[in-house]
Protein backbone atom coordinates (compact mmCIF):
# COMPACT_ATOMS: atom_id res chain seq x y z
CA MET A 1 124.40 96.65 -8.95
CA SER A 2 123.09 93.20 -9.89
CA ILE A 3 119.38 92.35 -10.22
CA ALA A 4 119.56 90.39 -6.95
CA GLU A 5 121.14 93.32 -5.11
CA ASN A 6 118.61 95.75 -6.57
CA LYS A 7 115.81 93.43 -5.42
CA LEU A 8 117.28 93.42 -1.90
CA VAL A 9 117.34 97.22 -1.88
CA GLY A 10 113.63 97.08 -2.76
CA VAL A 11 112.98 94.70 0.15
CA LEU A 12 114.90 97.02 2.50
CA VAL A 13 112.97 100.05 1.25
CA GLU A 14 109.67 98.23 1.87
CA TRP A 15 110.82 97.34 5.39
CA LEU A 16 111.66 100.97 6.12
CA LYS A 17 108.29 102.13 4.79
CA ASN A 18 106.30 99.53 6.71
CA HIS A 19 107.99 100.42 10.00
CA GLU A 20 107.28 104.14 9.55
CA LEU A 21 110.58 105.33 10.97
CA ASN A 22 111.07 108.99 11.71
CA ILE A 23 113.98 111.05 10.48
CA GLY A 24 116.88 110.40 12.84
CA ASP A 25 115.64 106.98 13.98
CA ARG A 26 118.27 104.26 14.28
CA LEU A 27 117.87 101.08 12.23
CA PRO A 28 118.29 97.66 13.86
CA SER A 29 121.81 96.24 13.83
CA GLU A 30 123.08 94.52 10.68
CA ARG A 31 122.75 91.15 12.40
CA GLN A 32 119.14 91.80 13.43
CA LEU A 33 118.17 93.31 10.07
CA SER A 34 119.79 90.52 8.03
CA THR A 35 117.76 88.01 10.07
CA LYS A 36 114.53 89.96 9.54
CA LEU A 37 115.12 90.26 5.78
CA LYS A 38 116.47 86.70 5.48
CA THR A 39 119.67 87.69 3.72
CA SER A 40 123.39 87.62 4.38
CA ARG A 41 125.06 90.46 6.25
CA THR A 42 127.35 91.06 3.27
CA SER A 43 124.40 91.52 0.88
CA LEU A 44 122.58 93.66 3.43
CA ARG A 45 125.66 95.83 3.94
CA ASN A 46 125.81 96.52 0.18
CA ALA A 47 122.12 97.52 0.17
CA LEU A 48 122.63 99.80 3.18
CA LYS A 49 125.61 101.46 1.50
CA MET A 50 123.53 102.02 -1.63
CA LEU A 51 120.85 103.83 0.38
CA GLN A 52 123.57 105.73 2.21
CA ALA A 53 124.96 106.90 -1.15
CA LYS A 54 121.46 108.12 -2.07
CA GLY A 55 121.32 110.12 1.16
CA VAL A 56 118.51 108.01 2.60
CA LEU A 57 120.63 106.68 5.44
CA GLU A 58 123.41 108.15 7.52
CA ALA A 59 126.13 105.86 8.87
CA LYS A 60 127.56 106.72 12.30
CA PRO A 61 130.76 104.79 13.11
CA GLY A 62 130.32 102.52 16.08
CA SER A 63 126.60 103.25 16.24
CA GLY A 64 124.94 102.05 13.03
CA TYR A 65 122.64 103.43 10.35
CA TYR A 66 120.06 106.18 10.86
CA LEU A 67 117.19 107.34 8.63
CA ASN A 68 118.24 110.61 7.05
CA GLN A 69 115.47 111.47 4.55
CA TRP A 70 112.37 110.04 2.84
CA ASN A 71 112.49 111.58 -0.66
CA TYR A 72 114.23 108.68 -2.41
CA LEU A 73 112.08 106.12 -0.61
CA GLU A 74 108.90 107.77 -1.90
CA SER A 75 110.15 107.64 -5.50
CA PHE A 76 111.80 104.21 -5.28
CA ASP A 77 108.76 102.23 -6.46
CA LYS A 78 108.59 104.22 -9.67
CA LEU A 79 112.32 103.94 -10.26
CA SER A 80 112.33 100.23 -9.49
CA THR A 81 109.36 99.54 -11.78
CA GLU A 82 110.99 101.42 -14.65
CA LYS A 83 114.26 99.55 -14.17
CA CYS A 84 112.46 96.19 -14.12
CA LYS A 85 110.60 97.12 -17.31
CA LYS A 86 113.86 97.96 -19.06
CA GLN A 87 115.41 94.71 -17.88
CA GLN A 88 112.40 92.81 -19.18
CA ILE A 89 112.90 94.34 -22.64
CA SER A 90 116.59 93.45 -22.45
CA ASN A 91 115.63 89.86 -21.63
CA GLN A 92 113.32 89.80 -24.66
CA LEU A 93 116.18 90.98 -26.86
CA GLU A 94 118.38 88.21 -25.48
CA ALA A 95 115.74 85.55 -26.17
CA PHE A 96 115.17 86.68 -29.75
CA PHE A 97 118.91 86.93 -30.35
CA TYR A 98 119.16 83.21 -29.63
CA PHE A 99 116.15 82.17 -31.72
CA GLU A 100 115.45 84.59 -34.57
CA PRO A 101 118.80 84.16 -36.38
CA LEU A 102 118.10 80.42 -36.49
CA VAL A 103 114.69 81.20 -37.97
CA ALA A 104 116.36 83.36 -40.63
CA SER A 105 118.66 80.45 -41.44
CA ILE A 106 115.72 78.07 -41.83
CA ALA A 107 113.74 80.64 -43.84
CA ALA A 108 116.58 80.86 -46.36
CA SER A 109 116.17 77.18 -47.18
CA ARG A 110 112.37 76.94 -46.98
CA ILE A 111 110.86 80.21 -48.16
CA SER A 112 108.44 79.76 -51.07
CA GLU A 113 108.41 81.89 -54.20
CA LYS A 114 105.11 83.41 -53.10
CA GLN A 115 106.50 84.35 -49.70
CA LEU A 116 109.69 85.67 -51.28
CA LYS A 117 107.70 88.00 -53.52
CA LYS A 118 105.78 89.24 -50.48
CA PHE A 119 109.10 89.70 -48.69
CA GLU A 120 110.50 91.73 -51.59
CA ASN A 121 107.35 93.83 -51.81
CA ILE A 122 107.56 94.71 -48.11
CA VAL A 123 111.16 95.88 -48.55
CA VAL A 124 110.10 98.06 -51.53
CA LEU A 125 107.32 99.58 -49.44
CA LEU A 126 109.76 100.06 -46.55
CA SER A 127 112.15 101.83 -48.93
CA LYS A 128 109.43 104.28 -50.02
CA ALA A 129 108.40 104.88 -46.41
CA VAL A 130 112.01 105.65 -45.43
CA LEU A 131 112.42 107.95 -48.44
CA ASN A 132 109.24 109.82 -47.51
CA LYS A 133 110.08 109.69 -43.79
CA ASP A 134 106.65 108.17 -43.18
CA MET A 135 107.30 106.88 -39.68
CA ASP A 136 103.94 105.16 -39.26
CA LYS A 137 104.45 103.05 -42.39
CA ILE A 138 108.08 102.33 -41.47
CA LYS A 139 106.83 100.83 -38.21
CA VAL A 140 104.21 98.69 -39.99
CA TYR A 141 106.57 97.32 -42.67
CA HIS A 142 109.34 96.67 -40.15
CA VAL A 143 107.03 94.41 -38.13
CA GLU A 144 105.62 92.76 -41.31
CA PHE A 145 109.15 92.01 -42.52
CA HIS A 146 109.88 89.86 -39.47
CA SER A 147 106.41 88.32 -39.49
CA VAL A 148 106.85 87.05 -43.07
CA MET A 149 110.30 85.68 -42.26
CA ILE A 150 109.02 83.76 -39.23
CA ASN A 151 106.02 82.35 -41.08
CA SER A 152 108.16 81.29 -44.05
CA VAL A 153 109.74 78.48 -42.00
CA ASP A 154 106.44 76.63 -42.43
CA ASN A 155 106.51 75.22 -38.91
CA SER A 156 103.58 76.08 -36.66
CA TYR A 157 105.53 75.24 -33.48
CA ILE A 158 108.33 77.68 -34.34
CA VAL A 159 105.78 80.34 -35.27
CA ARG A 160 104.01 79.92 -31.93
CA MET A 161 107.32 80.00 -30.05
CA LEU A 162 108.13 83.35 -31.63
CA GLU A 163 104.62 84.78 -31.74
CA GLY A 164 105.80 87.42 -29.27
CA SER A 165 108.46 88.54 -31.74
CA ASN A 166 106.23 91.25 -33.17
CA LYS A 167 106.00 92.78 -29.70
CA ASN A 168 109.78 92.90 -29.64
CA HIS A 169 109.87 94.65 -32.99
CA ASP A 170 107.08 96.99 -31.89
CA ILE A 171 109.50 98.19 -29.22
CA ILE A 172 112.05 98.98 -31.94
CA SER A 173 109.37 100.73 -33.95
CA ASP A 174 108.70 103.10 -31.06
CA ILE A 175 112.15 104.68 -31.39
CA ILE A 176 112.22 105.00 -35.18
CA THR A 177 111.20 108.66 -35.00
CA GLU A 178 114.31 109.34 -32.91
CA LEU A 179 116.83 107.83 -35.35
CA THR A 180 119.20 110.11 -37.22
CA PHE A 181 119.19 110.11 -41.03
CA ASP A 182 122.27 107.88 -41.15
CA GLU A 183 120.82 105.50 -38.55
CA LEU A 184 117.57 105.26 -40.51
CA ASN A 185 119.51 104.38 -43.66
CA ASP A 186 121.48 101.73 -41.74
CA PHE A 187 118.20 100.42 -40.38
CA PHE A 188 116.81 100.04 -43.92
CA ALA A 189 120.06 98.58 -45.28
CA SER A 190 119.99 95.80 -42.68
CA HIS A 191 116.57 94.71 -44.02
CA VAL A 192 117.79 94.76 -47.63
CA ASN A 193 120.91 92.75 -46.81
CA LEU A 194 118.93 90.09 -44.95
CA LEU A 195 116.42 89.86 -47.79
CA GLN A 196 119.24 89.31 -50.30
CA ALA A 197 120.81 86.54 -48.22
CA ILE A 198 117.46 84.76 -47.87
CA LYS A 199 116.80 85.23 -51.59
CA LEU A 200 120.15 83.60 -52.37
CA LYS A 201 119.21 80.77 -49.98
CA ASP A 202 122.40 81.41 -48.01
CA SER A 203 121.45 80.05 -44.58
CA ASP A 204 124.72 80.92 -42.83
CA LYS A 205 124.75 84.49 -44.12
CA SER A 206 121.07 84.92 -43.25
CA LYS A 207 121.76 83.84 -39.68
CA GLU A 208 124.73 86.19 -39.40
CA LEU A 209 122.87 89.20 -40.85
CA CYS A 210 119.84 88.61 -38.62
CA SER A 211 122.17 88.56 -35.61
CA GLU A 212 123.71 91.84 -36.77
CA MET A 213 120.25 93.36 -37.21
CA LEU A 214 119.31 92.44 -33.64
CA CYS A 215 122.60 93.93 -32.43
CA GLN A 216 121.72 97.10 -34.29
CA ASN A 217 118.29 97.17 -32.63
CA ALA A 218 119.84 96.63 -29.20
CA GLY A 219 122.21 99.53 -29.86
CA PHE A 220 119.34 101.85 -30.79
CA LEU A 221 117.35 100.85 -27.70
CA ASN A 222 120.35 101.39 -25.46
CA LYS A 223 121.06 104.80 -26.97
CA TYR A 224 117.51 106.16 -26.97
CA LYS A 225 115.76 104.24 -24.17
CA GLN A 226 118.70 103.17 -21.94
CA ILE A 227 117.73 99.50 -22.35
CA PRO A 228 120.62 97.32 -21.09
CA VAL A 229 122.41 95.49 -23.90
CA PRO A 230 122.30 91.72 -23.18
CA GLU A 231 125.67 90.11 -22.50
CA VAL A 232 125.34 87.70 -25.44
CA ILE A 233 124.85 90.65 -27.82
CA ARG A 234 127.82 92.54 -26.37
CA LEU A 235 129.96 89.45 -26.91
CA PHE A 236 128.76 89.08 -30.50
CA LYS A 237 129.48 92.74 -31.26
CA SER A 238 132.95 92.31 -29.77
CA GLY A 239 133.63 89.35 -32.06
CA ILE A 240 133.80 86.90 -29.14
CA ASN A 241 132.46 83.40 -29.72
CA TYR A 242 129.21 82.57 -27.95
CA GLU A 243 127.04 79.49 -27.67
CA MET A 244 123.83 79.26 -29.71
């Protein structure tokens, strides 16, 4: 179900709640209800069928839809809020997938020796934290890694544009404790590989490896938090060209 269709289901649920129907009550006709909800009959029909599938409504041929039970309606707000939150995180991933690889590319050409040493030191500290399975420090150094990279472009406008990036990486940090040993090693390796590309001042490789790192993050979030993988990331992982 699309976001628009899910939103319409929410509108329909609110209408049902506000009109305090009793079990067994008949809903208005599709024509009347589509007018009340200001939507097309086709879209409304899909929303009605969704609630029918959940057992909320009962369809009687030639008669219409009837309220069958309230349980799903009472829990819908919580379900809807959780789904919206997950979609919001997915949208954040999509935004950073477009911008952060470009930042990595710029960082490769602009990073100073002082920043590079700090970058290398963070990766060493991250390595020790992974080896010791110190999850708190892994989270800290993961966020610092991306913060140094963003600041190394030496452009205050770019930094401000991506100032929410740390929040995105905080989300990744929250699932680190759930990663398997192999996943944790892959997680660390992606940081090392990106550092090496930036150190070699290879802008194209830095961009590519940053994209791969974000794909990896999206995969972890999908596996452990059921966050939808953005379409642009799915295309990249499939090797299909996409616009940047």
